[in-house]
Amino acid sequence: ARVKIALAGLPQDAADKYPSSLSGGMVKRAALARALALDPDILFLDEPTAGLDPIGAAAFDQLIRTLCDSLGLSVFLVTHDLDTLYSICDRVAVLAQKKVLVADRLEVVAATDDAWIQQYFHGPRGRAAAQAATAAGSG
């Protein structure tokens, strides 16, 4: 268990604390450590950076990318966070109208000829996330 706590980026003394005494980012990492305790091949994450400040969210994204690379994990991730998409996702599926509109590499999805997808990826927020990813070398 202590190894998984360390893998999740938590200090060892976090294992002895109540969840109410942990910060929001530490609670997210504790949940990640719990999931890693099962030694999964696939990790399912639902809005993992929701409620985190941008710095905490970016650190969590980097942690997920590092775990994927070092442990060979596959991650199935539900998110609306464009920074997370650009930071850690190899493939993206867009769900709308009760169906999968497209599932492919991020650049293919972003180029899909659908008005909603175009607004999502090429509107002000989408452009900012793409530019940030390019500047960071992950996009």
N, C-alpha and C. Protein backbone atom coordinates (compact mmCIF):
# COMPACT_ATOMS: atom_id res chain seq x y z
N ALA A 1 0.83 -1.20 0.00
CA ALA A 1 0.00 0.00 0.00
C ALA A 1 0.87 1.25 0.00
N ARG A 2 1.96 1.23 0.74
CA ARG A 2 2.84 2.41 0.81
C ARG A 2 3.49 2.71 -0.54
N VAL A 3 3.75 1.66 -1.32
CA VAL A 3 4.31 1.87 -2.66
C VAL A 3 3.31 2.60 -3.54
N LYS A 4 2.05 2.22 -3.47
CA LYS A 4 1.02 2.86 -4.28
C LYS A 4 0.81 4.32 -3.84
N ILE A 5 0.93 4.57 -2.55
CA ILE A 5 0.83 5.94 -2.04
C ILE A 5 1.95 6.78 -2.64
N ALA A 6 3.15 6.23 -2.67
CA ALA A 6 4.28 6.95 -3.26
C ALA A 6 4.09 7.14 -4.76
N LEU A 7 3.61 6.10 -5.45
CA LEU A 7 3.35 6.21 -6.89
C LEU A 7 2.36 7.32 -7.21
N ALA A 8 1.39 7.51 -6.32
CA ALA A 8 0.38 8.54 -6.53
C ALA A 8 0.88 9.93 -6.15
N GLY A 9 2.12 10.01 -5.71
CA GLY A 9 2.70 11.31 -5.40
C GLY A 9 2.34 11.86 -4.04
N LEU A 10 1.93 10.99 -3.14
CA LEU A 10 1.58 11.42 -1.78
C LEU A 10 2.73 11.17 -0.82
N PRO A 11 2.86 12.01 0.20
CA PRO A 11 3.85 11.72 1.23
C PRO A 11 3.41 10.50 2.04
N GLN A 12 4.34 9.76 2.58
CA GLN A 12 4.00 8.53 3.31
C GLN A 12 3.06 8.78 4.49
N ASP A 13 3.16 9.94 5.13
CA ASP A 13 2.29 10.20 6.28
C ASP A 13 0.83 10.42 5.88
N ALA A 14 0.55 10.55 4.58
CA ALA A 14 -0.84 10.69 4.13
C ALA A 14 -1.65 9.44 4.45
N ALA A 15 -0.99 8.30 4.54
CA ALA A 15 -1.69 7.05 4.84
C ALA A 15 -2.31 7.06 6.23
N ASP A 16 -1.79 7.89 7.10
CA ASP A 16 -2.27 7.94 8.48
C ASP A 16 -3.26 9.08 8.73
N LYS A 17 -3.65 9.78 7.68
CA LYS A 17 -4.52 10.95 7.84
C LYS A 17 -5.95 10.63 7.40
N TYR A 18 -6.89 11.35 7.97
CA TYR A 18 -8.28 11.26 7.55
C TYR A 18 -8.45 12.06 6.26
N PRO A 19 -9.36 11.63 5.38
CA PRO A 19 -9.58 12.37 4.14
C PRO A 19 -9.89 13.85 4.37
N SER A 20 -10.59 14.16 5.44
CA SER A 20 -10.95 15.56 5.70
C SER A 20 -9.74 16.44 5.99
N SER A 21 -8.61 15.84 6.32
CA SER A 21 -7.41 16.62 6.60
C SER A 21 -6.51 16.78 5.37
N LEU A 22 -6.92 16.21 4.24
CA LEU A 22 -6.14 16.29 3.01
C LEU A 22 -6.65 17.42 2.13
N SER A 23 -5.77 17.99 1.34
CA SER A 23 -6.17 19.01 0.36
C SER A 23 -6.94 18.33 -0.77
N GLY A 24 -7.57 19.14 -1.62
CA GLY A 24 -8.31 18.58 -2.76
C GLY A 24 -7.43 17.74 -3.67
N GLY A 25 -6.23 18.24 -3.95
CA GLY A 25 -5.31 17.49 -4.79
C GLY A 25 -4.85 16.19 -4.14
N MET A 26 -4.66 16.23 -2.82
CA MET A 26 -4.25 15.01 -2.11
C MET A 26 -5.38 13.99 -2.08
N VAL A 27 -6.63 14.45 -1.99
CA VAL A 27 -7.77 13.53 -2.04
C VAL A 27 -7.81 12.83 -3.39
N LYS A 28 -7.57 13.58 -4.47
CA LYS A 28 -7.53 12.98 -5.82
C LYS A 28 -6.41 11.94 -5.90
N ARG A 29 -5.26 12.26 -5.35
CA ARG A 29 -4.13 11.33 -5.39
C ARG A 29 -4.39 10.11 -4.51
N ALA A 30 -5.09 10.29 -3.40
CA ALA A 30 -5.44 9.15 -2.54
C ALA A 30 -6.38 8.21 -3.28
N ALA A 31 -7.33 8.78 -4.03
CA ALA A 31 -8.24 7.95 -4.83
C ALA A 31 -7.45 7.20 -5.90
N LEU A 32 -6.47 7.86 -6.49
CA LEU A 32 -5.62 7.22 -7.48
C LEU A 32 -4.81 6.09 -6.85
N ALA A 33 -4.26 6.31 -5.66
CA ALA A 33 -3.51 5.26 -4.96
C ALA A 33 -4.40 4.06 -4.68
N ARG A 34 -5.65 4.32 -4.30
CA ARG A 34 -6.60 3.22 -4.05
C ARG A 34 -6.81 2.40 -5.31
N ALA A 35 -6.97 3.09 -6.44
CA ALA A 35 -7.16 2.38 -7.71
C ALA A 35 -5.91 1.60 -8.10
N LEU A 36 -4.74 2.18 -7.88
CA LEU A 36 -3.48 1.51 -8.22
C LEU A 36 -3.21 0.30 -7.35
N ALA A 37 -3.80 0.27 -6.16
CA ALA A 37 -3.59 -0.85 -5.23
C ALA A 37 -4.01 -2.18 -5.83
N LEU A 38 -4.90 -2.14 -6.81
CA LEU A 38 -5.38 -3.37 -7.45
C LEU A 38 -4.51 -3.79 -8.63
N ASP A 39 -3.43 -3.06 -8.90
CA ASP A 39 -2.54 -3.34 -10.03
C ASP A 39 -3.31 -3.51 -11.34
N PRO A 40 -4.10 -2.50 -11.71
CA PRO A 40 -4.92 -2.64 -12.91
C PRO A 40 -4.10 -2.51 -14.19
N ASP A 41 -4.61 -3.08 -15.26
CA ASP A 41 -4.06 -2.85 -16.59
C ASP A 41 -4.72 -1.62 -17.20
N ILE A 42 -5.98 -1.39 -16.82
CA ILE A 42 -6.75 -0.23 -17.30
C ILE A 42 -7.20 0.56 -16.08
N LEU A 43 -7.01 1.85 -16.15
CA LEU A 43 -7.43 2.75 -15.08
C LEU A 43 -8.58 3.60 -15.61
N PHE A 44 -9.69 3.59 -14.91
CA PHE A 44 -10.85 4.39 -15.30
C PHE A 44 -10.89 5.64 -14.43
N LEU A 45 -10.92 6.81 -15.06
CA LEU A 45 -10.94 8.08 -14.34
C LEU A 45 -12.11 8.93 -14.84
N ASP A 46 -12.87 9.48 -13.92
CA ASP A 46 -14.01 10.33 -14.26
C ASP A 46 -13.74 11.74 -13.76
N GLU A 47 -13.49 12.65 -14.69
CA GLU A 47 -13.20 14.05 -14.37
C GLU A 47 -12.15 14.17 -13.27
N PRO A 48 -10.97 13.58 -13.48
CA PRO A 48 -9.98 13.53 -12.39
C PRO A 48 -9.44 14.88 -11.94
N THR A 49 -9.51 15.89 -12.79
CA THR A 49 -8.97 17.19 -12.40
C THR A 49 -10.04 18.19 -12.01
N ALA A 50 -11.30 17.75 -11.98
CA ALA A 50 -12.38 18.66 -11.59
C ALA A 50 -12.14 19.18 -10.18
N GLY A 51 -12.29 20.47 -10.01
CA GLY A 51 -12.13 21.08 -8.70
C GLY A 51 -10.70 21.44 -8.33
N LEU A 52 -9.75 21.09 -9.18
CA LEU A 52 -8.36 21.44 -8.90
C LEU A 52 -8.01 22.76 -9.58
N ASP A 53 -7.11 23.51 -8.97
CA ASP A 53 -6.64 24.74 -9.61
C ASP A 53 -5.78 24.34 -10.81
N PRO A 54 -5.51 25.27 -11.73
CA PRO A 54 -4.75 24.91 -12.94
C PRO A 54 -3.39 24.26 -12.67
N ILE A 55 -2.70 24.72 -11.65
CA ILE A 55 -1.39 24.14 -11.34
C ILE A 55 -1.55 22.71 -10.83
N GLY A 56 -2.52 22.50 -9.94
CA GLY A 56 -2.78 21.16 -9.42
C GLY A 56 -3.27 20.21 -10.51
N ALA A 57 -4.11 20.73 -11.41
CA ALA A 57 -4.61 19.91 -12.51
C ALA A 57 -3.47 19.50 -13.44
N ALA A 58 -2.59 20.44 -13.76
CA ALA A 58 -1.46 20.13 -14.64
C ALA A 58 -0.54 19.10 -13.99
N ALA A 59 -0.32 19.22 -12.69
CA ALA A 59 0.52 18.24 -11.98
C ALA A 59 -0.13 16.86 -11.98
N PHE A 60 -1.45 16.81 -11.82
CA PHE A 60 -2.15 15.53 -11.84
C PHE A 60 -2.07 14.92 -13.24
N ASP A 61 -2.25 15.75 -14.27
CA ASP A 61 -2.12 15.26 -15.65
C ASP A 61 -0.74 14.66 -15.89
N GLN A 62 0.29 15.35 -15.42
CA GLN A 62 1.66 14.85 -15.59
C GLN A 62 1.85 13.53 -14.85
N LEU A 63 1.27 13.42 -13.66
CA LEU A 63 1.35 12.18 -12.90
C LEU A 63 0.71 11.03 -13.67
N ILE A 64 -0.46 11.26 -14.24
CA ILE A 64 -1.14 10.22 -15.02
C ILE A 64 -0.28 9.81 -16.21
N ARG A 65 0.27 10.78 -16.93
CA ARG A 65 1.12 10.48 -18.09
C ARG A 65 2.34 9.66 -17.65
N THR A 66 2.96 10.03 -16.54
CA THR A 66 4.12 9.31 -16.02
C THR A 66 3.75 7.88 -15.64
N LEU A 67 2.61 7.71 -14.96
CA LEU A 67 2.17 6.36 -14.58
C LEU A 67 1.88 5.51 -15.81
N CYS A 68 1.25 6.10 -16.81
CA CYS A 68 0.98 5.35 -18.05
C CYS A 68 2.28 4.86 -18.67
N ASP A 69 3.24 5.75 -18.75
CA ASP A 69 4.52 5.41 -19.38
C ASP A 69 5.32 4.40 -18.56
N SER A 70 5.36 4.59 -17.25
CA SER A 70 6.21 3.73 -16.42
C SER A 70 5.58 2.39 -16.08
N LEU A 71 4.25 2.35 -15.94
CA LEU A 71 3.57 1.11 -15.56
C LEU A 71 2.89 0.42 -16.74
N GLY A 72 2.90 1.05 -17.90
CA GLY A 72 2.22 0.47 -19.05
C GLY A 72 0.71 0.48 -18.91
N LEU A 73 0.19 1.43 -18.16
CA LEU A 73 -1.26 1.52 -17.95
C LEU A 73 -1.97 2.09 -19.16
N SER A 74 -3.16 1.63 -19.38
CA SER A 74 -4.08 2.29 -20.29
C SER A 74 -5.08 3.03 -19.42
N VAL A 75 -5.46 4.23 -19.85
CA VAL A 75 -6.40 5.04 -19.08
C VAL A 75 -7.60 5.35 -19.93
N PHE A 76 -8.77 5.07 -19.38
CA PHE A 76 -10.04 5.45 -19.98
C PHE A 76 -10.52 6.63 -19.15
N LEU A 77 -10.58 7.79 -19.77
CA LEU A 77 -10.78 9.04 -19.05
C LEU A 77 -12.00 9.78 -19.56
N VAL A 78 -12.85 10.20 -18.66
CA VAL A 78 -13.96 11.09 -19.00
C VAL A 78 -13.57 12.47 -18.51
N THR A 79 -13.54 13.44 -19.42
CA THR A 79 -13.20 14.81 -19.02
C THR A 79 -13.78 15.82 -19.99
N HIS A 80 -13.99 17.01 -19.47
CA HIS A 80 -14.34 18.16 -20.30
C HIS A 80 -13.18 19.15 -20.31
N ASP A 81 -12.10 18.80 -19.65
CA ASP A 81 -10.94 19.68 -19.49
C ASP A 81 -10.04 19.56 -20.72
N LEU A 82 -10.05 20.59 -21.54
CA LEU A 82 -9.26 20.56 -22.76
C LEU A 82 -7.76 20.48 -22.49
N ASP A 83 -7.30 21.10 -21.41
CA ASP A 83 -5.88 21.00 -21.08
C ASP A 83 -5.50 19.54 -20.81
N THR A 84 -6.36 18.82 -20.12
CA THR A 84 -6.11 17.40 -19.85
C THR A 84 -6.10 16.61 -21.15
N LEU A 85 -7.05 16.89 -22.04
CA LEU A 85 -7.07 16.18 -23.33
C LEU A 85 -5.75 16.35 -24.07
N TYR A 86 -5.31 17.59 -24.17
CA TYR A 86 -4.07 17.85 -24.90
C TYR A 86 -2.84 17.32 -24.18
N SER A 87 -2.89 17.25 -22.86
CA SER A 87 -1.72 16.82 -22.09
C SER A 87 -1.51 15.31 -22.09
N ILE A 88 -2.59 14.54 -21.98
CA ILE A 88 -2.39 13.11 -21.73
C ILE A 88 -3.10 12.15 -22.68
N CYS A 89 -3.97 12.65 -23.53
CA CYS A 89 -4.78 11.72 -24.33
C CYS A 89 -4.14 11.41 -25.68
N ASP A 90 -4.08 10.12 -25.99
CA ASP A 90 -3.62 9.67 -27.30
C ASP A 90 -4.78 9.58 -28.28
N ARG A 91 -5.92 9.15 -27.75
CA ARG A 91 -7.14 9.02 -28.56
C ARG A 91 -8.28 9.66 -27.79
N VAL A 92 -9.23 10.21 -28.55
CA VAL A 92 -10.36 10.93 -27.96
C VAL A 92 -11.64 10.46 -28.63
N ALA A 93 -12.67 10.29 -27.84
CA ALA A 93 -14.01 10.02 -28.37
C ALA A 93 -14.91 11.17 -27.93
N VAL A 94 -15.69 11.68 -28.85
CA VAL A 94 -16.64 12.75 -28.54
C VAL A 94 -18.03 12.14 -28.47
N LEU A 95 -18.66 12.28 -27.32
CA LEU A 95 -20.02 11.79 -27.11
C LEU A 95 -20.97 12.97 -27.15
N ALA A 96 -21.97 12.88 -28.00
CA ALA A 96 -23.01 13.91 -28.09
C ALA A 96 -24.20 13.29 -28.80
N GLN A 97 -25.35 13.85 -28.57
CA GLN A 97 -26.57 13.37 -29.23
C GLN A 97 -26.80 11.88 -28.98
N LYS A 98 -26.42 11.43 -27.78
CA LYS A 98 -26.60 10.04 -27.35
C LYS A 98 -25.82 9.02 -28.17
N LYS A 99 -24.69 9.47 -28.75
CA LYS A 99 -23.87 8.54 -29.53
C LYS A 99 -22.43 9.05 -29.59
N VAL A 100 -21.55 8.19 -30.07
CA VAL A 100 -20.16 8.58 -30.31
C VAL A 100 -20.12 9.26 -31.68
N LEU A 101 -19.79 10.54 -31.68
CA LEU A 101 -19.71 11.26 -32.95
C LEU A 101 -18.44 10.91 -33.71
N VAL A 102 -17.34 10.79 -32.98
CA VAL A 102 -16.06 10.46 -33.59
C VAL A 102 -15.13 9.94 -32.50
N ALA A 103 -14.27 9.01 -32.88
CA ALA A 103 -13.23 8.50 -31.97
C ALA A 103 -11.97 8.29 -32.79
N ASP A 104 -10.91 9.02 -32.42
CA ASP A 104 -9.67 8.94 -33.19
C ASP A 104 -8.58 9.71 -32.43
N ARG A 105 -7.45 9.91 -33.09
CA ARG A 105 -6.41 10.75 -32.51
C ARG A 105 -6.95 12.17 -32.35
N LEU A 106 -6.40 12.90 -31.39
CA LEU A 106 -6.91 14.23 -31.06
C LEU A 106 -6.95 15.15 -32.27
N GLU A 107 -5.89 15.15 -33.07
CA GLU A 107 -5.86 16.06 -34.23
C GLU A 107 -6.93 15.70 -35.26
N VAL A 108 -7.26 14.42 -35.39
CA VAL A 108 -8.31 14.00 -36.32
C VAL A 108 -9.68 14.41 -35.78
N VAL A 109 -9.88 14.21 -34.49
CA VAL A 109 -11.15 14.60 -33.86
C VAL A 109 -11.35 16.10 -33.99
N ALA A 110 -10.31 16.88 -33.70
CA ALA A 110 -10.42 18.34 -33.76
C ALA A 110 -10.71 18.85 -35.17
N ALA A 111 -10.35 18.07 -36.19
CA ALA A 111 -10.59 18.46 -37.58
C ALA A 111 -11.92 17.94 -38.12
N THR A 112 -12.67 17.22 -37.30
CA THR A 112 -13.95 16.65 -37.73
C THR A 112 -14.92 17.75 -38.11
N ASP A 113 -15.62 17.53 -39.22
CA ASP A 113 -16.56 18.53 -39.75
C ASP A 113 -17.91 18.42 -39.04
N ASP A 114 -17.94 18.87 -37.81
CA ASP A 114 -19.16 18.91 -37.01
C ASP A 114 -19.14 20.25 -36.28
N ALA A 115 -20.25 20.98 -36.33
CA ALA A 115 -20.29 22.33 -35.77
C ALA A 115 -19.94 22.34 -34.28
N TRP A 116 -20.49 21.40 -33.51
CA TRP A 116 -20.22 21.38 -32.07
C TRP A 116 -18.76 21.08 -31.80
N ILE A 117 -18.21 20.09 -32.51
CA ILE A 117 -16.80 19.73 -32.32
C ILE A 117 -15.90 20.89 -32.71
N GLN A 118 -16.21 21.55 -33.81
CA GLN A 118 -15.42 22.71 -34.23
C GLN A 118 -15.43 23.81 -33.18
N GLN A 119 -16.61 24.10 -32.62
CA GLN A 119 -16.69 25.14 -31.59
C GLN A 119 -15.92 24.72 -30.34
N TYR A 120 -16.03 23.46 -29.96
CA TYR A 120 -15.37 22.97 -28.76
C TYR A 120 -13.85 23.07 -28.88
N PHE A 121 -13.30 22.58 -29.98
CA PHE A 121 -11.85 22.53 -30.14
C PHE A 121 -11.24 23.80 -30.72
N HIS A 122 -12.04 24.61 -31.42
CA HIS A 122 -11.48 25.79 -32.08
C HIS A 122 -12.06 27.09 -31.57
N GLY A 123 -12.93 27.02 -30.56
CA GLY A 123 -13.40 28.22 -29.90
C GLY A 123 -12.28 28.79 -29.04
N PRO A 124 -12.54 29.88 -28.33
CA PRO A 124 -11.48 30.52 -27.53
C PRO A 124 -10.78 29.57 -26.55
N ARG A 125 -11.53 28.78 -25.82
CA ARG A 125 -10.93 27.88 -24.83
C ARG A 125 -10.13 26.76 -25.51
N GLY A 126 -10.67 26.22 -26.59
CA GLY A 126 -9.96 25.18 -27.32
C GLY A 126 -8.66 25.67 -27.92
N ARG A 127 -8.69 26.88 -28.49
CA ARG A 127 -7.47 27.45 -29.05
C ARG A 127 -6.41 27.67 -27.96
N ALA A 128 -6.85 28.16 -26.81
CA ALA A 128 -5.91 28.40 -25.71
C ALA A 128 -5.27 27.09 -25.24
N ALA A 129 -6.06 26.04 -25.12
CA ALA A 129 -5.53 24.74 -24.68
C ALA A 129 -4.56 24.18 -25.71
N ALA A 130 -4.89 24.30 -27.00
CA ALA A 130 -4.01 23.80 -28.05
C ALA A 130 -2.69 24.57 -28.06
N GLN A 131 -2.77 25.89 -27.90
CA GLN A 131 -1.55 26.70 -27.87
C GLN A 131 -0.68 26.36 -26.66
N ALA A 132 -1.30 26.17 -25.52
CA ALA A 132 -0.56 25.81 -24.31
C ALA A 132 0.13 24.46 -24.48
N ALA A 133 -0.57 23.51 -25.09
CA ALA A 133 0.01 22.18 -25.31
C ALA A 133 1.17 22.26 -26.29
N THR A 134 1.03 23.06 -27.33
CA THR A 134 2.11 23.22 -28.30
C THR A 134 3.33 23.85 -27.64
N ALA A 135 3.09 24.87 -26.82
CA ALA A 135 4.20 25.53 -26.12
C ALA A 135 4.89 24.58 -25.15
N ALA A 136 4.11 23.67 -24.54
CA ALA A 136 4.68 22.71 -23.59
C ALA A 136 5.29 21.50 -24.29
N GLY A 137 5.05 21.39 -25.59
CA GLY A 137 5.61 20.27 -26.34
C GLY A 137 4.79 19.00 -26.30
N SER A 138 3.52 19.08 -25.82
CA SER A 138 2.69 17.87 -25.75
C SER A 138 1.58 17.88 -26.77
N GLY A 139 1.47 18.90 -27.58
CA GLY A 139 0.36 18.96 -28.53
C GLY A 139 0.80 18.88 -29.94
